[in-house]
Amino acid sequence: MNILFLIGNGFDLNLGMKTRYRDFYDYYTNLPKDNDSDVVKSFKNELWNNIDLWSDLERELGNYLSKLDAKDAAILHDHLIEHLSQYIISEEEKCPVDEKQKESLSKYLASPHGDGRFSPVETREIDDFYAQWSATHRFVRIITFNYTKWCFRQRRPKNWTAWHPQPMANGFICNRTYPRLCR
């Protein structure tokens, strides 16, 4: 049996991490500007003055970068990735992983119907369905769309695979860092 979990930013927010784009914008636009290049200063000004247009960082950044020459686009991209990486790492560090959380997450992912959200009848039906496969024949796959690596720091049984298609907190796109899958 294959079980797939799609994890989004709500996962990190639930853990108390400030990982909304707006949280990053506040951090980024308030960084010291003394050593910023002209293109970075201009970008921060655009971002700050039109913050409501920037609800989707990737889309708006793509629009903004398309107006720049290649050199300025590379300067801005590198600056933004460096500071986004630093910000995400700082948020992850505020949310340490303890053994109780690891165990709780592992149990939930192995048996998501066991947390009382389903009626007794539904729970029995799900248990009967799960009973068709032994625990060693259940394959859990996790796709996370977060920038953080929190769920990758969890202890995972061998029959679990996690994939991270987003840029990760080290500043590299996952597929550059891990050619196949981020495990």
C-alpha atoms as a PDB file:
ATOM      1  CA  MET A   1       0.000   0.000   0.000  1.00  0.00           C
ATOM      2  CA  ASN A   2       1.290   3.468  -0.859  1.00  0.00           C
ATOM      3  CA  ILE A   3       0.428   6.380   1.418  1.00  0.00           C
ATOM      4  CA  LEU A   4       1.172   9.911   0.203  1.00  0.00           C
ATOM      5  CA  PHE A   5       1.317  13.024   2.365  1.00  0.00           C
ATOM      6  CA  LEU A   6       1.540  16.508   0.862  1.00  0.00           C
ATOM      7  CA  ILE A   7       2.950  18.957   3.391  1.00  0.00           C
ATOM      8  CA  GLY A   8       2.619  22.690   2.961  1.00  0.00           C
ATOM      9  CA  ASN A   9       3.453  25.809   4.936  1.00  0.00           C
ATOM     10  CA  GLY A  10       0.647  25.160   7.418  1.00  0.00           C
ATOM     11  CA  PHE A  11       2.838  22.400   8.846  1.00  0.00           C
ATOM     12  CA  ASP A  12       5.641  24.857   9.712  1.00  0.00           C
ATOM     13  CA  LEU A  13       3.198  27.522  10.883  1.00  0.00           C
ATOM     14  CA  ASN A  14       1.581  24.984  13.217  1.00  0.00           C
ATOM     15  CA  LEU A  15       5.018  24.342  14.731  1.00  0.00           C
ATOM     16  CA  GLY A  16       5.331  28.068  15.468  1.00  0.00           C
ATOM     17  CA  MET A  17       7.759  28.990  12.710  1.00  0.00           C
ATOM     18  CA  LYS A  18       7.225  32.375  11.064  1.00  0.00           C
ATOM     19  CA  THR A  19       7.502  31.172   7.491  1.00  0.00           C
ATOM     20  CA  ARG A  20       4.911  33.280   5.701  1.00  0.00           C
ATOM     21  CA  TYR A  21       6.293  35.437   2.922  1.00  0.00           C
ATOM     22  CA  ARG A  22       5.236  38.508   4.883  1.00  0.00           C
ATOM     23  CA  ASP A  23       7.419  37.387   7.815  1.00  0.00           C
ATOM     24  CA  PHE A  24      10.404  37.112   5.489  1.00  0.00           C
ATOM     25  CA  TYR A  25       9.643  40.476   3.843  1.00  0.00           C
ATOM     26  CA  ASP A  26       9.648  42.191   7.220  1.00  0.00           C
ATOM     27  CA  TYR A  27      12.990  40.587   8.052  1.00  0.00           C
ATOM     28  CA  TYR A  28      14.513  41.249   4.627  1.00  0.00           C
ATOM     29  CA  THR A  29      13.469  44.860   4.170  1.00  0.00           C
ATOM     30  CA  ASN A  30      14.716  45.734   7.665  1.00  0.00           C
ATOM     31  CA  LEU A  31      18.214  44.336   7.132  1.00  0.00           C
ATOM     32  CA  PRO A  32      20.991  46.961   7.160  1.00  0.00           C
ATOM     33  CA  LYS A  33      21.208  48.561   3.727  1.00  0.00           C
ATOM     34  CA  ASP A  34      24.725  50.000   4.020  1.00  0.00           C
ATOM     35  CA  ASN A  35      26.430  47.363   1.880  1.00  0.00           C
ATOM     36  CA  ASP A  36      23.537  46.686  -0.496  1.00  0.00           C
ATOM     37  CA  SER A  37      24.116  47.149  -4.205  1.00  0.00           C
ATOM     38  CA  ASP A  38      21.909  49.625  -6.077  1.00  0.00           C
ATOM     39  CA  VAL A  39      19.823  46.801  -7.539  1.00  0.00           C
ATOM     40  CA  VAL A  40      19.203  45.311  -4.069  1.00  0.00           C
ATOM     41  CA  LYS A  41      18.282  48.734  -2.616  1.00  0.00           C
ATOM     42  CA  SER A  42      15.875  49.319  -5.503  1.00  0.00           C
ATOM     43  CA  PHE A  43      14.326  45.875  -5.023  1.00  0.00           C
ATOM     44  CA  LYS A  44      13.847  46.372  -1.266  1.00  0.00           C
ATOM     45  CA  ASN A  45      12.208  49.717  -1.961  1.00  0.00           C
ATOM     46  CA  GLU A  46       9.875  48.150  -4.541  1.00  0.00           C
ATOM     47  CA  LEU A  47       9.045  45.335  -2.160  1.00  0.00           C
ATOM     48  CA  TRP A  48       8.362  47.628   0.785  1.00  0.00           C
ATOM     49  CA  ASN A  49       6.280  50.131  -1.198  1.00  0.00           C
ATOM     50  CA  ASN A  50       4.153  47.471  -2.894  1.00  0.00           C
ATOM     51  CA  ILE A  51       4.015  44.781  -0.218  1.00  0.00           C
ATOM     52  CA  ASP A  52       0.412  43.814  -1.031  1.00  0.00           C
ATOM     53  CA  LEU A  53       1.421  42.846  -4.586  1.00  0.00           C
ATOM     54  CA  TRP A  54       4.060  40.464  -3.254  1.00  0.00           C
ATOM     55  CA  SER A  55       1.849  37.771  -1.748  1.00  0.00           C
ATOM     56  CA  ASP A  56       3.508  35.260  -4.070  1.00  0.00           C
ATOM     57  CA  LEU A  57       7.268  35.756  -3.882  1.00  0.00           C
ATOM     58  CA  GLU A  58       8.201  33.467  -6.761  1.00  0.00           C
ATOM     59  CA  ARG A  59       5.751  35.016  -9.218  1.00  0.00           C
ATOM     60  CA  GLU A  60       6.541  38.624  -8.375  1.00  0.00           C
ATOM     61  CA  LEU A  61      10.267  37.956  -8.221  1.00  0.00           C
ATOM     62  CA  GLY A  62      10.064  36.431 -11.703  1.00  0.00           C
ATOM     63  CA  ASN A  63       8.264  39.532 -12.965  1.00  0.00           C
ATOM     64  CA  TYR A  64      10.791  41.827 -11.300  1.00  0.00           C
ATOM     65  CA  LEU A  65      13.855  39.887 -12.503  1.00  0.00           C
ATOM     66  CA  SER A  66      12.577  39.880 -16.093  1.00  0.00           C
ATOM     67  CA  LYS A  67      13.000  43.682 -16.115  1.00  0.00           C
ATOM     68  CA  LEU A  68      16.696  43.474 -15.161  1.00  0.00           C
ATOM     69  CA  ASP A  69      19.789  42.676 -17.187  1.00  0.00           C
ATOM     70  CA  ALA A  70      21.434  39.316 -16.468  1.00  0.00           C
ATOM     71  CA  LYS A  71      24.146  40.727 -14.183  1.00  0.00           C
ATOM     72  CA  ASP A  72      21.735  42.648 -11.943  1.00  0.00           C
ATOM     73  CA  ALA A  73      19.284  39.733 -11.906  1.00  0.00           C
ATOM     74  CA  ALA A  74      22.062  37.404 -10.716  1.00  0.00           C
ATOM     75  CA  ILE A  75      23.158  39.870  -8.014  1.00  0.00           C
ATOM     76  CA  LEU A  76      19.610  40.229  -6.707  1.00  0.00           C
ATOM     77  CA  HIS A  77      18.849  36.514  -6.931  1.00  0.00           C
ATOM     78  CA  ASP A  78      21.981  35.568  -4.989  1.00  0.00           C
ATOM     79  CA  HIS A  79      21.329  38.221  -2.326  1.00  0.00           C
ATOM     80  CA  LEU A  80      17.732  37.150  -1.875  1.00  0.00           C
ATOM     81  CA  ILE A  81      18.565  33.423  -1.713  1.00  0.00           C
ATOM     82  CA  GLU A  82      21.368  34.045   0.801  1.00  0.00           C
ATOM     83  CA  HIS A  83      19.060  35.964   3.131  1.00  0.00           C
ATOM     84  CA  LEU A  84      16.071  33.676   2.635  1.00  0.00           C
ATOM     85  CA  SER A  85      18.323  30.740   3.548  1.00  0.00           C
ATOM     86  CA  GLN A  86      19.591  32.521   6.656  1.00  0.00           C
ATOM     87  CA  TYR A  87      16.053  33.431   7.660  1.00  0.00           C
ATOM     88  CA  ILE A  88      14.676  29.910   7.206  1.00  0.00           C
ATOM     89  CA  ILE A  89      17.584  28.394   9.133  1.00  0.00           C
ATOM     90  CA  SER A  90      17.000  30.857  11.981  1.00  0.00           C
ATOM     91  CA  GLU A  91      13.309  29.896  12.075  1.00  0.00           C
ATOM     92  CA  GLU A  92      14.154  26.184  12.083  1.00  0.00           C
ATOM     93  CA  GLU A  93      16.538  26.720  14.991  1.00  0.00           C
ATOM     94  CA  LYS A  94      13.680  28.233  16.999  1.00  0.00           C
ATOM     95  CA  CYS A  95      11.789  24.965  16.601  1.00  0.00           C
ATOM     96  CA  PRO A  96      13.967  22.124  17.876  1.00  0.00           C
ATOM     97  CA  VAL A  97      12.870  18.566  17.258  1.00  0.00           C
ATOM     98  CA  ASP A  98      12.346  16.597  20.443  1.00  0.00           C
ATOM     99  CA  GLU A  99      11.835  12.855  20.821  1.00  0.00           C
ATOM    100  CA  LYS A 100       8.165  13.239  21.759  1.00  0.00           C
ATOM    101  CA  GLN A 101       7.468  15.193  18.533  1.00  0.00           C
ATOM    102  CA  LYS A 102       9.364  12.638  16.449  1.00  0.00           C
ATOM    103  CA  GLU A 103       7.385   9.766  17.938  1.00  0.00           C
ATOM    104  CA  SER A 104       4.073  11.614  17.587  1.00  0.00           C
ATOM    105  CA  LEU A 105       4.694  12.495  13.948  1.00  0.00           C
ATOM    106  CA  SER A 106       5.845   8.971  13.102  1.00  0.00           C
ATOM    107  CA  LYS A 107       2.720   7.462  14.701  1.00  0.00           C
ATOM    108  CA  TYR A 108       0.442   9.931  12.937  1.00  0.00           C
ATOM    109  CA  LEU A 109       1.997   9.362   9.524  1.00  0.00           C
ATOM    110  CA  ALA A 110       1.821   5.596   9.977  1.00  0.00           C
ATOM    111  CA  SER A 111      -1.826   5.727  11.087  1.00  0.00           C
ATOM    112  CA  PRO A 112      -3.434   9.134  10.357  1.00  0.00           C
ATOM    113  CA  HIS A 113      -6.921   7.904  11.174  1.00  0.00           C
ATOM    114  CA  GLY A 114      -6.039   7.131  14.782  1.00  0.00           C
ATOM    115  CA  ASP A 115      -6.256  10.659  16.141  1.00  0.00           C
ATOM    116  CA  GLY A 116     -10.004  10.707  16.785  1.00  0.00           C
ATOM    117  CA  ARG A 117     -11.056  12.751  13.755  1.00  0.00           C
ATOM    118  CA  PHE A 118     -13.051   9.864  12.320  1.00  0.00           C
ATOM    119  CA  SER A 119     -16.143   8.201  13.733  1.00  0.00           C
ATOM    120  CA  PRO A 120     -15.748   4.712  15.225  1.00  0.00           C
ATOM    121  CA  VAL A 121     -17.357   3.204  12.108  1.00  0.00           C
ATOM    122  CA  GLU A 122     -14.977   5.051   9.781  1.00  0.00           C
ATOM    123  CA  THR A 123     -11.993   4.125  11.945  1.00  0.00           C
ATOM    124  CA  ARG A 124     -12.979   0.436  11.799  1.00  0.00           C
ATOM    125  CA  GLU A 125     -13.331   0.626   8.007  1.00  0.00           C
ATOM    126  CA  ILE A 126      -9.894   2.227   7.698  1.00  0.00           C
ATOM    127  CA  ASP A 127      -8.394  -0.357  10.094  1.00  0.00           C
ATOM    128  CA  ASP A 128      -9.905  -3.147   7.989  1.00  0.00           C
ATOM    129  CA  PHE A 129      -8.440  -1.580   4.864  1.00  0.00           C
ATOM    130  CA  TYR A 130      -4.985  -1.213   6.483  1.00  0.00           C
ATOM    131  CA  ALA A 131      -5.152  -4.817   7.725  1.00  0.00           C
ATOM    132  CA  GLN A 132      -4.810  -6.012   4.138  1.00  0.00           C
ATOM    133  CA  TRP A 133      -1.117  -5.036   4.244  1.00  0.00           C
ATOM    134  CA  SER A 134       1.435  -5.731   6.917  1.00  0.00           C
ATOM    135  CA  ALA A 135       3.309  -2.701   8.249  1.00  0.00           C
ATOM    136  CA  THR A 136       6.346  -3.680   6.162  1.00  0.00           C
ATOM    137  CA  HIS A 137       4.251  -3.463   2.996  1.00  0.00           C
ATOM    138  CA  ARG A 138       3.014   0.061   3.648  1.00  0.00           C
ATOM    139  CA  PHE A 139       5.083   2.639   1.842  1.00  0.00           C
ATOM    140  CA  VAL A 140       4.813   6.207   3.085  1.00  0.00           C
ATOM    141  CA  ARG A 141       5.825   9.008   0.758  1.00  0.00           C
ATOM    142  CA  ILE A 142       6.055  12.598   1.846  1.00  0.00           C
ATOM    143  CA  ILE A 143       6.195  15.529  -0.540  1.00  0.00           C
ATOM    144  CA  THR A 144       6.843  18.790   1.223  1.00  0.00           C
ATOM    145  CA  PHE A 145       6.495  22.153  -0.457  1.00  0.00           C
ATOM    146  CA  ASN A 146       8.111  24.004   2.441  1.00  0.00           C
ATOM    147  CA  TYR A 147      11.408  25.822   2.447  1.00  0.00           C
ATOM    148  CA  THR A 148      12.273  24.271   5.800  1.00  0.00           C
ATOM    149  CA  LYS A 149      13.745  20.834   6.396  1.00  0.00           C
ATOM    150  CA  TRP A 150      11.870  20.167   9.646  1.00  0.00           C
ATOM    151  CA  CYS A 151      10.110  17.011   8.497  1.00  0.00           C
ATOM    152  CA  PHE A 152      13.409  15.685   7.085  1.00  0.00           C
ATOM    153  CA  ARG A 153      14.916  15.737  10.552  1.00  0.00           C
ATOM    154  CA  GLN A 154      12.388  13.153  11.702  1.00  0.00           C
ATOM    155  CA  ARG A 155      13.271   9.527  12.245  1.00  0.00           C
ATOM    156  CA  ARG A 156      11.708   7.647   9.363  1.00  0.00           C
ATOM    157  CA  PRO A 157      11.326   3.907   8.868  1.00  0.00           C
ATOM    158  CA  LYS A 158      13.039   2.447   5.803  1.00  0.00           C
ATOM    159  CA  ASN A 159       9.768   2.187   3.903  1.00  0.00           C
ATOM    160  CA  TRP A 160       9.275   5.973   4.026  1.00  0.00           C
ATOM    161  CA  THR A 161      10.503   8.325   1.314  1.00  0.00           C
ATOM    162  CA  ALA A 162      10.473  12.107   1.436  1.00  0.00           C
ATOM    163  CA  TRP A 163      10.828  14.450  -1.523  1.00  0.00           C
ATOM    164  CA  HIS A 164      11.372  18.177  -1.416  1.00  0.00           C
ATOM    165  CA  PRO A 165      10.837  19.957  -4.775  1.00  0.00           C
ATOM    166  CA  GLN A 166      11.303  23.461  -3.280  1.00  0.00           C
ATOM    167  CA  PRO A 167      14.578  25.295  -2.730  1.00  0.00           C
ATOM    168  CA  MET A 168      15.804  24.169   0.650  1.00  0.00           C
ATOM    169  CA  ALA A 169      17.281  26.264   3.416  1.00  0.00           C
ATOM    170  CA  ASN A 170      20.831  25.675   2.228  1.00  0.00           C
ATOM    171  CA  GLY A 171      20.123  27.877  -0.784  1.00  0.00           C
ATOM    172  CA  PHE A 172      20.283  25.134  -3.397  1.00  0.00           C
ATOM    173  CA  ILE A 173      17.432  23.714  -5.362  1.00  0.00           C
ATOM    174  CA  CYS A 174      16.784  20.206  -4.149  1.00  0.00           C
ATOM    175  CA  ASN A 175      17.476  18.527  -7.471  1.00  0.00           C
ATOM    176  CA  ARG A 176      20.887  20.190  -7.699  1.00  0.00           C
ATOM    177  CA  THR A 177      21.806  18.982  -4.241  1.00  0.00           C
ATOM    178  CA  TYR A 178      20.263  15.522  -4.516  1.00  0.00           C
ATOM    179  CA  PRO A 179      20.036  14.362  -8.149  1.00  0.00           C
ATOM    180  CA  ARG A 180      17.235  11.849  -7.520  1.00  0.00           C
ATOM    181  CA  LEU A 181      15.297  12.453  -4.347  1.00  0.00           C
ATOM    182  CA  CYS A 182      15.971  14.303  -1.140  1.00  0.00           C
ATOM    183  CA  ARG A 183      15.979  11.530   1.413  1.00  0.00           C
END
